[in-house]
Structure formats: C-alpha cells, structure tokens
Amino acid sequence: CVCVCVCVLCVCVIMVAAVDADPDVVYYLAKLFVFFLALFAVLDFALLRSGALGATLKSDRTGGYFALHVLCNAYVSVVHLPDVVHVYRDPVRAATVPPGGTTNCDGIMAIAALHMWHIIAYRPLPFIDWLHHIVMVVVMLPCA
C-alpha cells in the first residue's frame, strides 16, 4: 500500500513538472491517468483474467500483463507518431514543439497508468520489475 502511494505521488510530481503547474492541464492529465488506470483494470479482468481471449492468458499472469503492455505500446506509438516524424525531419530542433503543434502527454499518462496497474494488480513483483518501474517511471518518464 505504501508503494502504491509513493507511485501515485511520483505520477503527480511528473504531471505538475511536465506542465508548469497549469491547473487545467494538471486536472486533464489526472483525469487521463485515472481513465487509463480504469481501462487497464477493465481490460485485465474482463478480457484477460476471465478467459475471454483464451485459457492461456487467464492462467498466465505474466502473459496477461504483457498483453496489456502490447496494447499500451500500440496506443503510445500511434499517439506519438507525429513526434517521431518531427524528430526525423528536424533532428536539430527535436526537443522543441513543432510549429503549430502542442505537447502531447496522453501517451505518458498511459505509460504511467500501465506501470501503476502492474504494481497494484500483479504483486508480488520480482526485483527486476521494481528496478524497471523505478528507472522507467520515476527517472525516464519525466524526461518524455
């Protein structure tokens, strides 16, 4: 329970730091985080653990989590495709927002929610998963 609270706190810090504490944007990102967390819970229980997608995913908890991970990665890839195109078209200014564009944090919230869901629903986690969550969520996600 303490670990979950620490992770939620980290996500809140990431959201505030990413948007310069604009209350409207922080509220939007918080709603988006809760939406993705609920979506992963529904997908996990309704599709994976129920056996609706096959008995293998129902009995294999790791496989079920990886199925969620694939869905999340696909979403992030689609949402951030314009960012990738911007990086390849103009690598010198890759860290800037493209002209007329905005910063899109939707994929970041999906990634944060997926990792939070993993911590909540798939305990006990092995050391390598904790290391992954600390490095990816606490250190790398704010850089995104």
N, C-alpha and C. Protein backbone atom coordinates (compact mmCIF):
# COMPACT_ATOMS: atom_id res chain seq x y z
N CYS A 1 0.82 -1.19 0.00
CA CYS A 1 0.00 0.00 0.00
C CYS A 1 0.87 1.27 0.00
N VAL A 2 1.96 1.22 0.75
CA VAL A 2 2.88 2.36 0.78
C VAL A 2 3.51 2.56 -0.59
N CYS A 3 3.86 1.46 -1.25
CA CYS A 3 4.48 1.55 -2.58
C CYS A 3 3.53 2.19 -3.58
N VAL A 4 2.25 1.84 -3.50
CA VAL A 4 1.26 2.41 -4.40
C VAL A 4 1.15 3.91 -4.16
N CYS A 5 1.13 4.32 -2.90
CA CYS A 5 1.04 5.74 -2.58
C CYS A 5 2.26 6.50 -3.09
N VAL A 6 3.43 5.91 -2.96
CA VAL A 6 4.66 6.54 -3.47
C VAL A 6 4.58 6.68 -4.98
N CYS A 7 4.09 5.66 -5.65
CA CYS A 7 3.98 5.72 -7.11
C CYS A 7 2.98 6.79 -7.55
N VAL A 8 1.85 6.87 -6.86
CA VAL A 8 0.87 7.91 -7.20
C VAL A 8 1.48 9.29 -6.99
N LEU A 9 2.21 9.46 -5.91
CA LEU A 9 2.88 10.73 -5.66
C LEU A 9 3.86 11.06 -6.79
N CYS A 10 4.62 10.07 -7.24
CA CYS A 10 5.58 10.28 -8.34
C CYS A 10 4.86 10.71 -9.61
N VAL A 11 3.73 10.08 -9.91
CA VAL A 11 2.96 10.46 -11.10
C VAL A 11 2.47 11.89 -10.97
N CYS A 12 2.01 12.28 -9.80
CA CYS A 12 1.54 13.66 -9.59
C CYS A 12 2.68 14.65 -9.80
N VAL A 13 3.85 14.32 -9.29
CA VAL A 13 5.02 15.20 -9.47
C VAL A 13 5.36 15.30 -10.95
N ILE A 14 5.31 14.19 -11.65
CA ILE A 14 5.60 14.19 -13.09
C ILE A 14 4.61 15.10 -13.81
N MET A 15 3.32 14.97 -13.47
CA MET A 15 2.30 15.78 -14.14
C MET A 15 2.52 17.26 -13.89
N VAL A 16 2.79 17.63 -12.66
CA VAL A 16 2.98 19.04 -12.33
C VAL A 16 4.24 19.59 -13.01
N ALA A 17 5.33 18.83 -12.95
CA ALA A 17 6.58 19.29 -13.55
C ALA A 17 6.46 19.40 -15.07
N ALA A 18 5.69 18.51 -15.68
CA ALA A 18 5.59 18.48 -17.13
C ALA A 18 4.79 19.65 -17.70
N VAL A 19 3.95 20.23 -16.91
CA VAL A 19 3.05 21.26 -17.44
C VAL A 19 3.16 22.60 -16.73
N ASP A 20 4.23 22.81 -16.00
CA ASP A 20 4.44 24.07 -15.29
C ASP A 20 3.28 24.43 -14.37
N ALA A 21 2.63 23.43 -13.81
CA ALA A 21 1.59 23.60 -12.80
C ALA A 21 0.36 24.36 -13.29
N ASP A 22 0.07 24.32 -14.57
CA ASP A 22 -1.18 24.90 -15.07
C ASP A 22 -2.33 24.03 -14.56
N PRO A 23 -3.20 24.55 -13.71
CA PRO A 23 -4.23 23.73 -13.07
C PRO A 23 -5.13 22.99 -14.06
N ASP A 24 -5.49 23.62 -15.17
CA ASP A 24 -6.36 22.97 -16.15
C ASP A 24 -5.67 21.76 -16.77
N VAL A 25 -4.40 21.91 -17.08
CA VAL A 25 -3.66 20.80 -17.71
C VAL A 25 -3.42 19.69 -16.69
N VAL A 26 -3.08 20.06 -15.46
CA VAL A 26 -2.87 19.05 -14.42
C VAL A 26 -4.16 18.26 -14.20
N TYR A 27 -5.29 18.95 -14.17
CA TYR A 27 -6.58 18.29 -13.99
C TYR A 27 -6.86 17.35 -15.17
N TYR A 28 -6.60 17.79 -16.38
CA TYR A 28 -6.79 16.95 -17.56
C TYR A 28 -5.91 15.70 -17.48
N LEU A 29 -4.64 15.88 -17.12
CA LEU A 29 -3.73 14.74 -17.04
C LEU A 29 -4.13 13.79 -15.92
N ALA A 30 -4.60 14.32 -14.81
CA ALA A 30 -5.05 13.46 -13.71
C ALA A 30 -6.26 12.63 -14.15
N LYS A 31 -7.20 13.26 -14.85
CA LYS A 31 -8.37 12.52 -15.36
C LYS A 31 -7.93 11.46 -16.36
N LEU A 32 -6.98 11.80 -17.22
CA LEU A 32 -6.49 10.86 -18.21
C LEU A 32 -5.80 9.67 -17.53
N PHE A 33 -5.00 9.94 -16.50
CA PHE A 33 -4.33 8.88 -15.75
C PHE A 33 -5.36 7.93 -15.13
N VAL A 34 -6.39 8.48 -14.49
CA VAL A 34 -7.43 7.66 -13.88
C VAL A 34 -8.19 6.87 -14.95
N PHE A 35 -8.46 7.51 -16.09
CA PHE A 35 -9.13 6.81 -17.20
C PHE A 35 -8.31 5.60 -17.64
N PHE A 36 -7.01 5.80 -17.88
CA PHE A 36 -6.18 4.69 -18.34
C PHE A 36 -6.05 3.61 -17.27
N LEU A 37 -5.95 4.00 -16.01
CA LEU A 37 -5.87 3.02 -14.93
C LEU A 37 -7.14 2.17 -14.91
N ALA A 38 -8.30 2.81 -15.02
CA ALA A 38 -9.56 2.08 -15.06
C ALA A 38 -9.66 1.21 -16.32
N LEU A 39 -9.21 1.73 -17.45
CA LEU A 39 -9.24 0.96 -18.69
C LEU A 39 -8.39 -0.31 -18.57
N PHE A 40 -7.19 -0.18 -18.01
CA PHE A 40 -6.34 -1.36 -17.85
C PHE A 40 -6.96 -2.36 -16.88
N ALA A 41 -7.63 -1.87 -15.84
CA ALA A 41 -8.31 -2.77 -14.90
C ALA A 41 -9.43 -3.53 -15.61
N VAL A 42 -10.23 -2.82 -16.39
CA VAL A 42 -11.33 -3.46 -17.11
C VAL A 42 -10.79 -4.47 -18.12
N LEU A 43 -9.80 -4.06 -18.90
CA LEU A 43 -9.22 -4.98 -19.88
C LEU A 43 -8.62 -6.20 -19.20
N ASP A 44 -7.94 -5.98 -18.10
CA ASP A 44 -7.30 -7.08 -17.39
C ASP A 44 -8.34 -8.09 -16.89
N PHE A 45 -9.36 -7.60 -16.20
CA PHE A 45 -10.33 -8.51 -15.61
C PHE A 45 -11.35 -9.01 -16.62
N ALA A 46 -11.84 -8.15 -17.49
CA ALA A 46 -12.91 -8.54 -18.42
C ALA A 46 -12.40 -9.43 -19.55
N LEU A 47 -11.21 -9.14 -20.04
CA LEU A 47 -10.72 -9.89 -21.19
C LEU A 47 -9.68 -10.95 -20.84
N LEU A 48 -8.71 -10.57 -20.04
CA LEU A 48 -7.58 -11.47 -19.80
C LEU A 48 -7.87 -12.50 -18.72
N ARG A 49 -8.23 -12.04 -17.54
CA ARG A 49 -8.42 -12.97 -16.42
C ARG A 49 -9.72 -13.75 -16.52
N SER A 50 -10.66 -13.28 -17.32
CA SER A 50 -11.93 -14.01 -17.49
C SER A 50 -11.77 -15.19 -18.44
N GLY A 51 -10.71 -15.19 -19.22
CA GLY A 51 -10.51 -16.24 -20.20
C GLY A 51 -11.16 -15.93 -21.53
N ALA A 52 -11.70 -14.72 -21.70
CA ALA A 52 -12.37 -14.36 -22.95
C ALA A 52 -11.42 -14.41 -24.14
N LEU A 53 -10.13 -14.19 -23.91
CA LEU A 53 -9.15 -14.24 -25.00
C LEU A 53 -8.37 -15.54 -25.01
N GLY A 54 -8.83 -16.51 -24.25
CA GLY A 54 -8.16 -17.81 -24.23
C GLY A 54 -7.71 -18.20 -22.84
N ALA A 55 -7.63 -19.48 -22.63
CA ALA A 55 -7.26 -20.01 -21.31
C ALA A 55 -5.81 -19.70 -20.96
N THR A 56 -4.96 -19.55 -21.95
CA THR A 56 -3.55 -19.28 -21.67
C THR A 56 -3.38 -17.97 -20.93
N LEU A 57 -4.02 -16.90 -21.41
CA LEU A 57 -3.89 -15.60 -20.75
C LEU A 57 -4.57 -15.60 -19.38
N LYS A 58 -5.61 -16.43 -19.21
CA LYS A 58 -6.29 -16.49 -17.91
C LYS A 58 -5.37 -17.11 -16.87
N SER A 59 -4.63 -18.12 -17.24
CA SER A 59 -3.79 -18.82 -16.26
C SER A 59 -2.38 -18.25 -16.16
N ASP A 60 -1.95 -17.52 -17.17
CA ASP A 60 -0.59 -16.97 -17.18
C ASP A 60 -0.64 -15.48 -16.89
N ARG A 61 -0.40 -15.11 -15.63
CA ARG A 61 -0.49 -13.70 -15.24
C ARG A 61 0.54 -12.85 -15.97
N THR A 62 1.73 -13.37 -16.18
CA THR A 62 2.75 -12.61 -16.90
C THR A 62 2.31 -12.35 -18.34
N GLY A 63 1.76 -13.35 -18.97
CA GLY A 63 1.28 -13.19 -20.34
C GLY A 63 0.16 -12.17 -20.42
N GLY A 64 -0.71 -12.15 -19.42
CA GLY A 64 -1.79 -11.17 -19.38
C GLY A 64 -1.26 -9.76 -19.27
N TYR A 65 -0.26 -9.58 -18.41
CA TYR A 65 0.32 -8.25 -18.27
C TYR A 65 1.01 -7.83 -19.57
N PHE A 66 1.71 -8.76 -20.21
CA PHE A 66 2.39 -8.42 -21.46
C PHE A 66 1.38 -8.08 -22.56
N ALA A 67 0.21 -8.71 -22.52
CA ALA A 67 -0.85 -8.37 -23.48
C ALA A 67 -1.29 -6.91 -23.26
N LEU A 68 -1.46 -6.51 -22.01
CA LEU A 68 -1.79 -5.12 -21.71
C LEU A 68 -0.67 -4.19 -22.17
N HIS A 69 0.55 -4.63 -21.96
CA HIS A 69 1.72 -3.83 -22.34
C HIS A 69 1.75 -3.61 -23.86
N VAL A 70 1.43 -4.64 -24.62
CA VAL A 70 1.39 -4.52 -26.08
C VAL A 70 0.32 -3.51 -26.50
N LEU A 71 -0.86 -3.58 -25.88
CA LEU A 71 -1.93 -2.63 -26.21
C LEU A 71 -1.51 -1.20 -25.88
N CYS A 72 -0.87 -1.02 -24.72
CA CYS A 72 -0.42 0.31 -24.32
C CYS A 72 0.65 0.82 -25.28
N ASN A 73 1.62 -0.04 -25.63
CA ASN A 73 2.68 0.37 -26.55
C ASN A 73 2.12 0.74 -27.92
N ALA A 74 1.12 0.00 -28.38
CA ALA A 74 0.49 0.33 -29.67
C ALA A 74 -0.17 1.70 -29.61
N TYR A 75 -0.89 1.96 -28.53
CA TYR A 75 -1.54 3.27 -28.36
C TYR A 75 -0.50 4.39 -28.35
N VAL A 76 0.56 4.22 -27.56
CA VAL A 76 1.60 5.25 -27.46
C VAL A 76 2.27 5.47 -28.81
N SER A 77 2.51 4.41 -29.56
CA SER A 77 3.14 4.53 -30.87
C SER A 77 2.27 5.33 -31.83
N VAL A 78 0.98 5.09 -31.81
CA VAL A 78 0.07 5.82 -32.71
C VAL A 78 -0.04 7.29 -32.29
N VAL A 79 -0.22 7.52 -30.99
CA VAL A 79 -0.41 8.88 -30.49
C VAL A 79 0.84 9.74 -30.72
N HIS A 80 2.01 9.15 -30.60
CA HIS A 80 3.24 9.93 -30.70
C HIS A 80 3.94 9.81 -32.06
N LEU A 81 3.27 9.25 -33.05
CA LEU A 81 3.85 9.18 -34.39
C LEU A 81 4.22 10.56 -34.94
N PRO A 82 3.38 11.59 -34.76
CA PRO A 82 3.79 12.92 -35.23
C PRO A 82 5.09 13.41 -34.57
N ASP A 83 5.28 13.08 -33.30
CA ASP A 83 6.51 13.47 -32.62
C ASP A 83 7.73 12.78 -33.23
N VAL A 84 7.56 11.50 -33.57
CA VAL A 84 8.66 10.75 -34.18
C VAL A 84 9.00 11.34 -35.55
N VAL A 85 7.96 11.66 -36.32
CA VAL A 85 8.18 12.27 -37.64
C VAL A 85 8.92 13.59 -37.47
N HIS A 86 8.53 14.39 -36.48
CA HIS A 86 9.20 15.67 -36.21
C HIS A 86 10.68 15.47 -35.90
N VAL A 87 11.00 14.46 -35.12
CA VAL A 87 12.39 14.19 -34.76
C VAL A 87 13.21 13.84 -35.99
N TYR A 88 12.66 13.02 -36.88
CA TYR A 88 13.41 12.63 -38.08
C TYR A 88 13.50 13.75 -39.12
N ARG A 89 12.47 14.58 -39.17
CA ARG A 89 12.51 15.69 -40.13
C ARG A 89 13.44 16.81 -39.71
N ASP A 90 13.53 17.04 -38.41
CA ASP A 90 14.31 18.16 -37.91
C ASP A 90 15.04 17.77 -36.62
N PRO A 91 16.08 16.93 -36.73
CA PRO A 91 16.76 16.43 -35.53
C PRO A 91 17.42 17.53 -34.70
N VAL A 92 17.80 18.64 -35.32
CA VAL A 92 18.44 19.72 -34.59
C VAL A 92 17.47 20.34 -33.58
N ARG A 93 16.21 20.45 -33.98
CA ARG A 93 15.20 21.03 -33.09
C ARG A 93 14.25 19.96 -32.55
N ALA A 94 14.73 18.76 -32.40
CA ALA A 94 13.88 17.64 -32.00
C ALA A 94 13.28 17.80 -30.61
N ALA A 95 13.92 18.53 -29.74
CA ALA A 95 13.42 18.70 -28.38
C ALA A 95 12.41 19.84 -28.26
N THR A 96 12.11 20.50 -29.37
CA THR A 96 11.14 21.60 -29.34
C THR A 96 9.79 21.12 -29.84
N VAL A 97 8.77 21.86 -29.54
CA VAL A 97 7.44 21.56 -30.05
C VAL A 97 7.40 22.02 -31.50
N PRO A 98 6.89 21.16 -32.40
CA PRO A 98 6.82 21.57 -33.81
C PRO A 98 5.95 22.80 -33.99
N PRO A 99 6.24 23.62 -35.01
CA PRO A 99 5.44 24.82 -35.25
C PRO A 99 3.96 24.48 -35.37
N GLY A 100 3.15 25.21 -34.62
CA GLY A 100 1.71 24.97 -34.66
C GLY A 100 1.28 23.75 -33.86
N GLY A 101 2.23 23.05 -33.25
CA GLY A 101 1.90 21.85 -32.51
C GLY A 101 1.77 22.11 -31.02
N THR A 102 1.42 21.09 -30.33
CA THR A 102 1.33 21.16 -28.88
C THR A 102 2.05 19.95 -28.29
N THR A 103 2.33 20.03 -27.02
CA THR A 103 2.93 18.90 -26.34
C THR A 103 1.83 17.91 -25.98
N ASN A 104 2.00 16.67 -26.38
CA ASN A 104 1.01 15.64 -26.14
C ASN A 104 1.50 14.73 -25.01
N CYS A 105 0.79 14.73 -23.90
CA CYS A 105 1.17 13.90 -22.75
C CYS A 105 0.26 12.69 -22.59
N ASP A 106 -0.61 12.44 -23.56
CA ASP A 106 -1.54 11.31 -23.44
C ASP A 106 -0.82 9.98 -23.32
N GLY A 107 0.18 9.78 -24.13
CA GLY A 107 0.94 8.53 -24.07
C GLY A 107 1.69 8.38 -22.77
N ILE A 108 2.18 9.50 -22.25
CA ILE A 108 2.91 9.46 -20.98
C ILE A 108 1.97 9.01 -19.87
N MET A 109 0.74 9.50 -19.86
CA MET A 109 -0.21 9.10 -18.83
C MET A 109 -0.60 7.63 -18.98
N ALA A 110 -0.68 7.15 -20.23
CA ALA A 110 -0.97 5.73 -20.45
C ALA A 110 0.16 4.86 -19.90
N ILE A 111 1.39 5.27 -20.13
CA ILE A 111 2.54 4.51 -19.62
C ILE A 111 2.56 4.53 -18.10
N ALA A 112 2.32 5.69 -17.50
CA ALA A 112 2.31 5.78 -16.04
C ALA A 112 1.20 4.91 -15.46
N ALA A 113 0.02 4.93 -16.08
CA ALA A 113 -1.10 4.13 -15.58
C ALA A 113 -0.83 2.63 -15.74
N LEU A 114 -0.22 2.24 -16.85
CA LEU A 114 0.11 0.82 -17.03
C LEU A 114 1.06 0.34 -15.95
N HIS A 115 2.09 1.11 -15.67
CA HIS A 115 3.05 0.71 -14.64
C HIS A 115 2.39 0.70 -13.27
N MET A 116 1.50 1.66 -13.01
CA MET A 116 0.78 1.67 -11.74
C MET A 116 -0.10 0.44 -11.62
N TRP A 117 -0.79 0.08 -12.72
CA TRP A 117 -1.64 -1.10 -12.69
C TRP A 117 -0.79 -2.35 -12.42
N HIS A 118 0.36 -2.42 -13.00
CA HIS A 118 1.24 -3.56 -12.77
C HIS A 118 1.59 -3.68 -11.29
N ILE A 119 1.89 -2.55 -10.66
CA ILE A 119 2.24 -2.56 -9.24
C ILE A 119 1.03 -2.95 -8.39
N ILE A 120 -0.15 -2.47 -8.74
CA ILE A 120 -1.35 -2.75 -7.95
C ILE A 120 -1.82 -4.19 -8.11
N ALA A 121 -1.87 -4.68 -9.35
CA ALA A 121 -2.57 -5.94 -9.62
C ALA A 121 -1.67 -7.17 -9.75
N TYR A 122 -0.39 -6.99 -9.85
CA TYR A 122 0.47 -8.15 -10.12
C TYR A 122 1.52 -8.36 -9.04
N ARG A 123 1.15 -8.14 -7.79
CA ARG A 123 2.09 -8.36 -6.70
C ARG A 123 2.08 -9.81 -6.28
N PRO A 124 3.14 -10.32 -5.75
CA PRO A 124 4.42 -9.65 -5.50
C PRO A 124 5.23 -9.53 -6.79
N LEU A 125 5.88 -8.41 -6.93
CA LEU A 125 6.73 -8.17 -8.10
C LEU A 125 8.16 -8.58 -7.79
N PRO A 126 8.81 -9.19 -8.75
CA PRO A 126 10.23 -9.50 -8.55
C PRO A 126 11.08 -8.23 -8.58
N PHE A 127 12.29 -8.32 -8.09
CA PHE A 127 13.19 -7.18 -8.01
C PHE A 127 13.36 -6.49 -9.36
N ILE A 128 13.48 -7.26 -10.42
CA ILE A 128 13.73 -6.68 -11.75
C ILE A 128 12.56 -5.80 -12.18
N ASP A 129 11.33 -6.16 -11.79
CA ASP A 129 10.18 -5.31 -12.11
C ASP A 129 10.23 -4.00 -11.33
N TRP A 130 10.60 -4.06 -10.04
CA TRP A 130 10.74 -2.84 -9.25
C TRP A 130 11.82 -1.95 -9.85
N LEU A 131 12.92 -2.53 -10.25
CA LEU A 131 14.00 -1.76 -10.86
C LEU A 131 13.50 -1.10 -12.14
N HIS A 132 12.78 -1.85 -12.95
CA HIS A 132 12.21 -1.33 -14.20
C HIS A 132 11.27 -0.15 -13.90
N HIS A 133 10.38 -0.31 -12.92
CA HIS A 133 9.43 0.76 -12.61
C HIS A 133 10.13 2.00 -12.08
N ILE A 134 11.11 1.82 -11.26
CA ILE A 134 11.83 2.98 -10.71
C ILE A 134 12.56 3.72 -11.82
N VAL A 135 13.28 2.99 -12.66
CA VAL A 135 14.04 3.63 -13.72
C VAL A 135 13.12 4.24 -14.77
N MET A 136 12.14 3.50 -15.21
CA MET A 136 11.29 3.96 -16.31
C MET A 136 10.27 5.03 -15.89
N VAL A 137 9.64 4.88 -14.73
CA VAL A 137 8.58 5.80 -14.33
C VAL A 137 9.15 7.01 -13.58
N VAL A 138 10.01 6.75 -12.63
CA VAL A 138 10.50 7.84 -11.78
C VAL A 138 11.60 8.65 -12.47
N VAL A 139 12.47 7.97 -13.24
CA VAL A 139 13.60 8.66 -13.84
C VAL A 139 13.32 9.06 -15.30
N MET A 140 12.90 8.11 -16.13
CA MET A 140 12.79 8.37 -17.57
C MET A 140 11.48 9.05 -18.01
N LEU A 141 10.36 8.70 -17.39
CA LEU A 141 9.08 9.26 -17.82
C LEU A 141 9.03 10.78 -17.72
N PRO A 142 9.58 11.39 -16.67
CA PRO A 142 9.59 12.87 -16.66
C PRO A 142 10.40 13.47 -17.81
N CYS A 143 11.35 12.72 -18.33
CA CYS A 143 12.14 13.22 -19.47
C CYS A 143 11.33 13.22 -20.77
N ALA A 144 10.28 12.42 -20.81
CA ALA A 144 9.47 12.34 -22.02
C ALA A 144 8.66 13.60 -22.19
